[in-house]
Each structure stands twice: as structure tokens, then as C-alpha cells.
């Protein structure tokens, strides 16, 4: 049986809660692909990755990250090498082609429920950004471009937490809109920085949960795992 380890960053300030959240996600995925052994490990939880790879031979790593970057390209491989584990690596969650439709459907439903005409409404995709890892925002901009081509919203804009264009500035110039956090696990940015920026901007539109919490995400990941493991 093939083993897939879902790996996320987690939270150094609250490692147990984020590890439990990732394990809960894995629990939802398992019955959707019973032919695959699905494990979970956050990098922030001491010993979690070592425990996951302890009895695995050549596991597959599924990065529950929004972008291809330092963690997926360097940190996860470095830690696996230290553990003596040779693994295959899948593309990260944030660049899964199936996310586009999921995000569009979710945001259109939120706009309709709020009584907004989506063709006169902004969709704000909120992402992390980074002053150091300059490419960390690339997947958010790539997703925004795909969503623009749908023509479903008046504008699709990206607002970042740690670098310009800052979410607060983007939200302040949106008369009405829908804001979707382009994040995998709920963490400090989602619970603190994002609502603070939207409050400061007096943003009154729908504020959606992070896309990683969408109820269809377990099925989306299960499909990706099956497709990869069957090839």
C-alpha cells in the first residue's frame, strides 16, 4: 500500500492544535482513497514528521502549502534527508487545477447570498506574501489571473499580509467585494491579521473562511492522491 504524508507548516506558537487539524483532514481523506495510507505531519510539531516516516519506505509527500517555495523545495527535503527518508514529492495544494472552480463557485455563492452583482463586485484573494521568499505570492497571482479570465467578477485583486499590495490598502479601495483567504490551515494571519486589515479598511463585504477549510477539500486532495499514485 502506498503511503502519502500530508505535510503542512503548522504553527510554532500552537503546534498541537495545527497538528490535530491536519490529522482531522487526513481522517476525512482516508475513506475517499482507501487504497492509500494517508498520514499527516506539521513541521512545527516536534517529532511529527519523524513519526510519520518512521515505518514508511519511499512515501509520497503531499505539501499542504499554497505555493511552491522554500518550504516545499528546500526545508521539507532537508528534513527528510536528515531522517534518512527518500520520498517522492507532489505539487503543493495551492496549485491544484481543481481549486479554480472551487474558489469561483464559493465566491459567487457568497456574493449572491449578500445580494451583490458579481459583475460589479471585487473578488479579493488574500495571500501571505513574504519579504524574503519573493515567489511565495506567485500562486496567488496565478490563481487571480485564472479567475479574471472567467469574467465572473468585476475585478479580481490580490491583497497580501507581509508585502505590498497590502490587504488593507486593497480592501480600502473596494466599494463592495468578497474576500477569500488563499490559505491552507487556519493560523494567526487568518484569525488576526486578515480581519484586522479588513476592519481598518471598513470592508463590509463577505469574509470567507480560508480555502483549505472548504468542505470539498478532502475530496479534491483524495482525487489528486489517487491520480498521482496510479501513474
C-alpha atoms as a PDB file:
ATOM      1  CA  UNK A   1       0.000   0.000   0.000  1.00  0.00           C
ATOM      2  CA  UNK A   2       1.307   3.427  -0.977  1.00  0.00           C
ATOM      3  CA  UNK A   3       1.824   5.875   1.877  1.00  0.00           C
ATOM      4  CA  UNK A   4       1.155   9.588   1.444  1.00  0.00           C
ATOM      5  CA  UNK A   5       2.188  12.058   4.130  1.00  0.00           C
ATOM      6  CA  UNK A   6       0.317  15.355   4.070  1.00  0.00           C
ATOM      7  CA  UNK A   7       2.816  17.938   5.305  1.00  0.00           C
ATOM      8  CA  UNK A   8       1.911  21.458   6.421  1.00  0.00           C
ATOM      9  CA  UNK A   9       3.814  24.230   8.133  1.00  0.00           C
ATOM     10  CA  UNK A  10       1.711  24.308  11.282  1.00  0.00           C
ATOM     11  CA  UNK A  11       2.182  26.931  13.965  1.00  0.00           C
ATOM     12  CA  UNK A  12       5.251  27.186  16.226  1.00  0.00           C
ATOM     13  CA  UNK A  13       3.157  29.048  18.800  1.00  0.00           C
ATOM     14  CA  UNK A  14       0.391  26.420  18.783  1.00  0.00           C
ATOM     15  CA  UNK A  15       1.821  23.212  17.318  1.00  0.00           C
ATOM     16  CA  UNK A  16      -0.629  20.752  18.869  1.00  0.00           C
ATOM     17  CA  UNK A  17      -3.774  22.459  17.566  1.00  0.00           C
ATOM     18  CA  UNK A  18      -2.500  22.688  13.999  1.00  0.00           C
ATOM     19  CA  UNK A  19      -1.228  19.110  14.071  1.00  0.00           C
ATOM     20  CA  UNK A  20      -4.660  17.985  15.250  1.00  0.00           C
ATOM     21  CA  UNK A  21      -6.314  19.987  12.459  1.00  0.00           C
ATOM     22  CA  UNK A  22      -4.110  18.346   9.831  1.00  0.00           C
ATOM     23  CA  UNK A  23      -4.772  14.906  11.271  1.00  0.00           C
ATOM     24  CA  UNK A  24      -8.502  15.640  11.140  1.00  0.00           C
ATOM     25  CA  UNK A  25      -8.127  16.483   7.445  1.00  0.00           C
ATOM     26  CA  UNK A  26      -6.268  13.217   6.841  1.00  0.00           C
ATOM     27  CA  UNK A  27      -9.045  11.350   8.630  1.00  0.00           C
ATOM     28  CA  UNK A  28     -11.579  12.782   6.173  1.00  0.00           C
ATOM     29  CA  UNK A  29      -9.417  11.873   3.184  1.00  0.00           C
ATOM     30  CA  UNK A  30      -8.773   8.211   4.126  1.00  0.00           C
ATOM     31  CA  UNK A  31     -12.213   6.768   3.304  1.00  0.00           C
ATOM     32  CA  UNK A  32     -12.124   8.538  -0.073  1.00  0.00           C
ATOM     33  CA  UNK A  33      -8.970   6.683  -1.128  1.00  0.00           C
ATOM     34  CA  UNK A  34      -8.831   3.501   0.980  1.00  0.00           C
ATOM     35  CA  UNK A  35      -6.107   2.039  -1.226  1.00  0.00           C
ATOM     36  CA  UNK A  36      -3.685   4.716   0.060  1.00  0.00           C
ATOM     37  CA  UNK A  37      -2.317   5.062   3.578  1.00  0.00           C
ATOM     38  CA  UNK A  38      -2.715   8.751   4.469  1.00  0.00           C
ATOM     39  CA  UNK A  39      -0.687  10.285   7.302  1.00  0.00           C
ATOM     40  CA  UNK A  40      -0.249  13.875   8.477  1.00  0.00           C
ATOM     41  CA  UNK A  41       2.639  15.901   9.884  1.00  0.00           C
ATOM     42  CA  UNK A  42       3.217  19.589  10.528  1.00  0.00           C
ATOM     43  CA  UNK A  43       6.761  20.908  10.501  1.00  0.00           C
ATOM     44  CA  UNK A  44       6.100  22.952  13.628  1.00  0.00           C
ATOM     45  CA  UNK A  45       5.118  19.941  15.741  1.00  0.00           C
ATOM     46  CA  UNK A  46       8.307  18.476  17.170  1.00  0.00           C
ATOM     47  CA  UNK A  47       8.741  14.878  16.056  1.00  0.00           C
ATOM     48  CA  UNK A  48       5.617  14.723  13.879  1.00  0.00           C
ATOM     49  CA  UNK A  49       7.445  14.228  10.590  1.00  0.00           C
ATOM     50  CA  UNK A  50       9.856  11.713  12.124  1.00  0.00           C
ATOM     51  CA  UNK A  51       6.935   9.723  13.493  1.00  0.00           C
ATOM     52  CA  UNK A  52       5.167   9.724  10.120  1.00  0.00           C
ATOM     53  CA  UNK A  53       8.177   8.465   8.166  1.00  0.00           C
ATOM     54  CA  UNK A  54       9.324   6.020  10.850  1.00  0.00           C
ATOM     55  CA  UNK A  55       7.794   2.925   9.269  1.00  0.00           C
ATOM     56  CA  UNK A  56       7.468   4.171   5.684  1.00  0.00           C
ATOM     57  CA  UNK A  57       9.532   3.135   2.705  1.00  0.00           C
ATOM     58  CA  UNK A  58       9.609   5.731  -0.084  1.00  0.00           C
ATOM     59  CA  UNK A  59       6.484   7.671   0.938  1.00  0.00           C
ATOM     60  CA  UNK A  60       4.842  10.328  -1.181  1.00  0.00           C
ATOM     61  CA  UNK A  61       4.826  13.851   0.252  1.00  0.00           C
ATOM     62  CA  UNK A  62       1.742  15.994  -0.380  1.00  0.00           C
ATOM     63  CA  UNK A  63       2.630  19.594   0.615  1.00  0.00           C
ATOM     64  CA  UNK A  64      -0.426  21.277   2.111  1.00  0.00           C
ATOM     65  CA  UNK A  65       1.035  24.648   1.135  1.00  0.00           C
ATOM     66  CA  UNK A  66      -0.367  27.341  -1.123  1.00  0.00           C
ATOM     67  CA  UNK A  67       2.790  27.825  -3.189  1.00  0.00           C
ATOM     68  CA  UNK A  68       5.929  26.131  -4.398  1.00  0.00           C
ATOM     69  CA  UNK A  69       8.712  27.775  -2.437  1.00  0.00           C
ATOM     70  CA  UNK A  70      11.364  27.497   0.241  1.00  0.00           C
ATOM     71  CA  UNK A  71       9.443  25.059   2.432  1.00  0.00           C
ATOM     72  CA  UNK A  72       8.454  22.712  -0.380  1.00  0.00           C
ATOM     73  CA  UNK A  73      11.708  22.922  -2.332  1.00  0.00           C
ATOM     74  CA  UNK A  74      14.252  23.049   0.490  1.00  0.00           C
ATOM     75  CA  UNK A  75      13.006  22.661   4.040  1.00  0.00           C
ATOM     76  CA  UNK A  76      10.873  19.540   3.624  1.00  0.00           C
ATOM     77  CA  UNK A  77      13.562  17.752   1.524  1.00  0.00           C
ATOM     78  CA  UNK A  78      16.220  18.788   4.067  1.00  0.00           C
ATOM     79  CA  UNK A  79      14.267  17.361   6.977  1.00  0.00           C
ATOM     80  CA  UNK A  80      13.529  14.152   5.113  1.00  0.00           C
ATOM     81  CA  UNK A  81      17.215  13.755   4.265  1.00  0.00           C
ATOM     82  CA  UNK A  82      18.104  14.182   7.943  1.00  0.00           C
ATOM     83  CA  UNK A  83      15.634  11.405   8.743  1.00  0.00           C
ATOM     84  CA  UNK A  84      17.141   9.169   6.073  1.00  0.00           C
ATOM     85  CA  UNK A  85      13.887   9.113   4.143  1.00  0.00           C
ATOM     86  CA  UNK A  86      13.725   9.034   0.361  1.00  0.00           C
ATOM     87  CA  UNK A  87      10.391  10.366  -0.794  1.00  0.00           C
ATOM     88  CA  UNK A  88       8.515  11.440  -3.887  1.00  0.00           C
ATOM     89  CA  UNK A  89       7.075  14.943  -3.871  1.00  0.00           C
ATOM     90  CA  UNK A  90       3.725  16.029  -5.286  1.00  0.00           C
ATOM     91  CA  UNK A  91       2.834  19.568  -6.310  1.00  0.00           C
ATOM     92  CA  UNK A  92       1.535  21.695  -3.434  1.00  0.00           C
ATOM     93  CA  UNK A  93      -2.161  22.064  -2.706  1.00  0.00           C
ATOM     94  CA  UNK A  94      -2.302  25.703  -3.833  1.00  0.00           C
ATOM     95  CA  UNK A  95      -1.564  24.964  -7.481  1.00  0.00           C
ATOM     96  CA  UNK A  96      -4.082  22.145  -7.912  1.00  0.00           C
ATOM     97  CA  UNK A  97      -6.019  22.932 -11.134  1.00  0.00           C
ATOM     98  CA  UNK A  98      -9.291  21.954  -9.439  1.00  0.00           C
ATOM     99  CA  UNK A  99      -9.033  24.870  -6.999  1.00  0.00           C
ATOM    100  CA  UNK A 100     -10.065  27.435  -9.594  1.00  0.00           C
ATOM    101  CA  UNK A 101     -13.642  26.182  -9.966  1.00  0.00           C
ATOM    102  CA  UNK A 102     -13.988  25.589  -6.235  1.00  0.00           C
ATOM    103  CA  UNK A 103     -12.927  29.150  -5.427  1.00  0.00           C
ATOM    104  CA  UNK A 104     -15.086  30.663  -8.156  1.00  0.00           C
ATOM    105  CA  UNK A 105     -18.196  28.742  -7.101  1.00  0.00           C
ATOM    106  CA  UNK A 106     -17.657  29.610  -3.423  1.00  0.00           C
ATOM    107  CA  UNK A 107     -17.154  33.319  -4.089  1.00  0.00           C
ATOM    108  CA  UNK A 108     -20.094  33.577  -6.483  1.00  0.00           C
ATOM    109  CA  UNK A 109     -22.337  31.908  -3.916  1.00  0.00           C
ATOM    110  CA  UNK A 110     -21.136  34.335  -1.228  1.00  0.00           C
ATOM    111  CA  UNK A 111     -21.783  37.327  -3.491  1.00  0.00           C
ATOM    112  CA  UNK A 112     -25.279  36.107  -4.359  1.00  0.00           C
ATOM    113  CA  UNK A 113     -26.121  35.470  -0.712  1.00  0.00           C
ATOM    114  CA  UNK A 114     -25.012  39.015   0.130  1.00  0.00           C
ATOM    115  CA  UNK A 115     -27.172  40.441  -2.671  1.00  0.00           C
ATOM    116  CA  UNK A 116     -24.165  41.544  -4.726  1.00  0.00           C
ATOM    117  CA  UNK A 117     -23.966  41.555  -8.514  1.00  0.00           C
ATOM    118  CA  UNK A 118     -20.662  39.743  -9.035  1.00  0.00           C
ATOM    119  CA  UNK A 119     -20.034  41.602 -12.307  1.00  0.00           C
ATOM    120  CA  UNK A 120     -19.963  44.836 -10.311  1.00  0.00           C
ATOM    121  CA  UNK A 121     -18.055  43.301  -7.390  1.00  0.00           C
ATOM    122  CA  UNK A 122     -14.408  42.830  -6.479  1.00  0.00           C
ATOM    123  CA  UNK A 123     -13.044  39.443  -5.534  1.00  0.00           C
ATOM    124  CA  UNK A 124     -10.076  39.917  -3.210  1.00  0.00           C
ATOM    125  CA  UNK A 125      -7.747  36.968  -2.956  1.00  0.00           C
ATOM    126  CA  UNK A 126      -5.814  37.403   0.266  1.00  0.00           C
ATOM    127  CA  UNK A 127      -2.410  35.684   0.428  1.00  0.00           C
ATOM    128  CA  UNK A 128       0.588  35.585   2.716  1.00  0.00           C
ATOM    129  CA  UNK A 129       3.348  37.201   0.687  1.00  0.00           C
ATOM    130  CA  UNK A 130       6.881  37.393   2.056  1.00  0.00           C
ATOM    131  CA  UNK A 131       9.670  39.947   2.346  1.00  0.00           C
ATOM    132  CA  UNK A 132      12.179  37.123   1.929  1.00  0.00           C
ATOM    133  CA  UNK A 133      10.638  34.432  -0.307  1.00  0.00           C
ATOM    134  CA  UNK A 134       9.657  36.629  -3.217  1.00  0.00           C
ATOM    135  CA  UNK A 135       7.963  33.827  -5.145  1.00  0.00           C
ATOM    136  CA  UNK A 136       5.609  32.848  -2.327  1.00  0.00           C
ATOM    137  CA  UNK A 137       2.860  35.027  -3.773  1.00  0.00           C
ATOM    138  CA  UNK A 138       3.163  33.685  -7.322  1.00  0.00           C
ATOM    139  CA  UNK A 139       0.463  31.030  -6.953  1.00  0.00           C
ATOM    140  CA  UNK A 140      -1.988  33.650  -5.653  1.00  0.00           C
ATOM    141  CA  UNK A 141      -1.364  35.867  -8.666  1.00  0.00           C
ATOM    142  CA  UNK A 142      -1.627  32.870 -10.997  1.00  0.00           C
ATOM    143  CA  UNK A 143      -4.957  31.945  -9.434  1.00  0.00           C
ATOM    144  CA  UNK A 144      -6.176  35.540  -9.652  1.00  0.00           C
ATOM    145  CA  UNK A 145      -5.367  35.597 -13.368  1.00  0.00           C
ATOM    146  CA  UNK A 146      -7.347  32.400 -13.952  1.00  0.00           C
ATOM    147  CA  UNK A 147     -10.317  33.816 -12.043  1.00  0.00           C
ATOM    148  CA  UNK A 148     -10.160  37.051 -14.048  1.00  0.00           C
ATOM    149  CA  UNK A 149     -10.462  35.131 -17.285  1.00  0.00           C
ATOM    150  CA  UNK A 150     -13.790  33.719 -16.110  1.00  0.00           C
ATOM    151  CA  UNK A 151     -15.284  37.220 -16.259  1.00  0.00           C
ATOM    152  CA  UNK A 152     -17.488  36.385 -13.280  1.00  0.00           C
ATOM    153  CA  UNK A 153     -16.306  39.315 -11.147  1.00  0.00           C
ATOM    154  CA  UNK A 154     -15.723  42.963 -11.991  1.00  0.00           C
ATOM    155  CA  UNK A 155     -12.160  42.788 -10.701  1.00  0.00           C
ATOM    156  CA  UNK A 156     -10.034  40.057  -9.127  1.00  0.00           C
ATOM    157  CA  UNK A 157      -7.383  41.567  -6.891  1.00  0.00           C
ATOM    158  CA  UNK A 158      -4.614  40.197  -4.679  1.00  0.00           C
ATOM    159  CA  UNK A 159      -4.037  41.604  -1.187  1.00  0.00           C
ATOM    160  CA  UNK A 160      -1.015  40.457   0.811  1.00  0.00           C
ATOM    161  CA  UNK A 161      -0.200  40.320   4.514  1.00  0.00           C
ATOM    162  CA  UNK A 162       3.569  40.758   4.572  1.00  0.00           C
ATOM    163  CA  UNK A 163       4.345  42.843   1.486  1.00  0.00           C
ATOM    164  CA  UNK A 164       2.650  45.265  -0.921  1.00  0.00           C
ATOM    165  CA  UNK A 165      -0.031  45.417  -2.134  1.00  0.00           C
ATOM    166  CA  UNK A 166      -1.217  45.136   1.454  1.00  0.00           C
ATOM    167  CA  UNK A 167      -4.671  43.723   2.058  1.00  0.00           C
ATOM    168  CA  UNK A 168      -5.806  46.793   3.983  1.00  0.00           C
ATOM    169  CA  UNK A 169      -4.937  49.091   1.048  1.00  0.00           C
ATOM    170  CA  UNK A 170      -6.626  46.821  -1.491  1.00  0.00           C
ATOM    171  CA  UNK A 171      -9.761  46.420   0.622  1.00  0.00           C
ATOM    172  CA  UNK A 172      -9.983  50.166   1.246  1.00  0.00           C
ATOM    173  CA  UNK A 173     -10.356  50.783  -2.495  1.00  0.00           C
ATOM    174  CA  UNK A 174     -13.087  48.190  -2.952  1.00  0.00           C
ATOM    175  CA  UNK A 175     -16.543  49.702  -2.569  1.00  0.00           C
ATOM    176  CA  UNK A 176     -18.009  46.248  -2.315  1.00  0.00           C
ATOM    177  CA  UNK A 177     -16.428  42.865  -2.607  1.00  0.00           C
ATOM    178  CA  UNK A 178     -15.823  39.322  -1.457  1.00  0.00           C
ATOM    179  CA  UNK A 179     -12.620  38.404   0.395  1.00  0.00           C
ATOM    180  CA  UNK A 180     -11.238  34.863   0.266  1.00  0.00           C
ATOM    181  CA  UNK A 181      -8.098  33.924   2.253  1.00  0.00           C
ATOM    182  CA  UNK A 182      -5.838  31.902  -0.050  1.00  0.00           C
ATOM    183  CA  UNK A 183      -4.532  29.844   2.881  1.00  0.00           C
ATOM    184  CA  UNK A 184      -4.410  26.137   3.712  1.00  0.00           C
ATOM    185  CA  UNK A 185      -4.561  25.823   7.509  1.00  0.00           C
ATOM    186  CA  UNK A 186      -6.165  28.425   9.733  1.00  0.00           C
ATOM    187  CA  UNK A 187      -3.453  30.261  11.682  1.00  0.00           C
ATOM    188  CA  UNK A 188      -2.598  33.657  13.121  1.00  0.00           C
ATOM    189  CA  UNK A 189      -2.891  35.511   9.821  1.00  0.00           C
ATOM    190  CA  UNK A 190      -6.387  34.193   9.193  1.00  0.00           C
ATOM    191  CA  UNK A 191      -7.654  34.806  12.718  1.00  0.00           C
ATOM    192  CA  UNK A 192      -5.794  38.050  13.390  1.00  0.00           C
ATOM    193  CA  UNK A 193      -4.122  39.948  10.559  1.00  0.00           C
ATOM    194  CA  UNK A 194      -6.807  39.470   7.919  1.00  0.00           C
ATOM    195  CA  UNK A 195      -9.828  40.592   9.983  1.00  0.00           C
ATOM    196  CA  UNK A 196      -7.771  43.477  11.406  1.00  0.00           C
ATOM    197  CA  UNK A 197      -6.850  44.687   7.915  1.00  0.00           C
ATOM    198  CA  UNK A 198     -10.441  44.389   6.704  1.00  0.00           C
ATOM    199  CA  UNK A 199     -11.764  46.194   9.784  1.00  0.00           C
ATOM    200  CA  UNK A 200      -9.250  49.008   9.308  1.00  0.00           C
ATOM    201  CA  UNK A 201     -10.338  49.323   5.685  1.00  0.00           C
ATOM    202  CA  UNK A 202     -14.026  49.294   6.735  1.00  0.00           C
ATOM    203  CA  UNK A 203     -14.575  46.425   4.354  1.00  0.00           C
ATOM    204  CA  UNK A 204     -18.199  45.343   4.603  1.00  0.00           C
ATOM    205  CA  UNK A 205     -18.366  42.514   2.077  1.00  0.00           C
ATOM    206  CA  UNK A 206     -18.477  38.760   2.744  1.00  0.00           C
ATOM    207  CA  UNK A 207     -15.427  37.374   4.527  1.00  0.00           C
ATOM    208  CA  UNK A 208     -14.958  33.728   3.665  1.00  0.00           C
ATOM    209  CA  UNK A 209     -13.060  31.055   5.581  1.00  0.00           C
ATOM    210  CA  UNK A 210      -9.652  30.025   4.190  1.00  0.00           C
ATOM    211  CA  UNK A 211      -9.996  27.867   1.099  1.00  0.00           C
ATOM    212  CA  UNK A 212      -8.214  24.995   2.854  1.00  0.00           C
ATOM    213  CA  UNK A 213     -11.253  24.622   5.132  1.00  0.00           C
ATOM    214  CA  UNK A 214     -13.762  24.218   2.313  1.00  0.00           C
ATOM    215  CA  UNK A 215     -15.811  21.021   2.828  1.00  0.00           C
ATOM    216  CA  UNK A 216     -14.867  19.755  -0.653  1.00  0.00           C
ATOM    217  CA  UNK A 217     -11.112  19.910   0.015  1.00  0.00           C
ATOM    218  CA  UNK A 218     -10.800  16.301   1.296  1.00  0.00           C
ATOM    219  CA  UNK A 219     -12.320  15.028  -1.960  1.00  0.00           C
ATOM    220  CA  UNK A 220     -10.088  17.330  -4.023  1.00  0.00           C
ATOM    221  CA  UNK A 221      -6.970  16.041  -2.252  1.00  0.00           C
ATOM    222  CA  UNK A 222      -8.115  12.415  -2.472  1.00  0.00           C
ATOM    223  CA  UNK A 223      -8.506  12.759  -6.253  1.00  0.00           C
ATOM    224  CA  UNK A 224      -5.017  14.232  -6.530  1.00  0.00           C
ATOM    225  CA  UNK A 225      -3.531  11.427  -4.420  1.00  0.00           C
ATOM    226  CA  UNK A 226      -5.227   8.694  -6.443  1.00  0.00           C
ATOM    227  CA  UNK A 227      -4.199  10.217  -9.739  1.00  0.00           C
ATOM    228  CA  UNK A 228      -0.574  10.522  -8.631  1.00  0.00           C
ATOM    229  CA  UNK A 229      -0.327   7.067  -7.072  1.00  0.00           C
ATOM    230  CA  UNK A 230      -1.927   5.369 -10.067  1.00  0.00           C
ATOM    231  CA  UNK A 231       0.585   6.846 -12.511  1.00  0.00           C
END
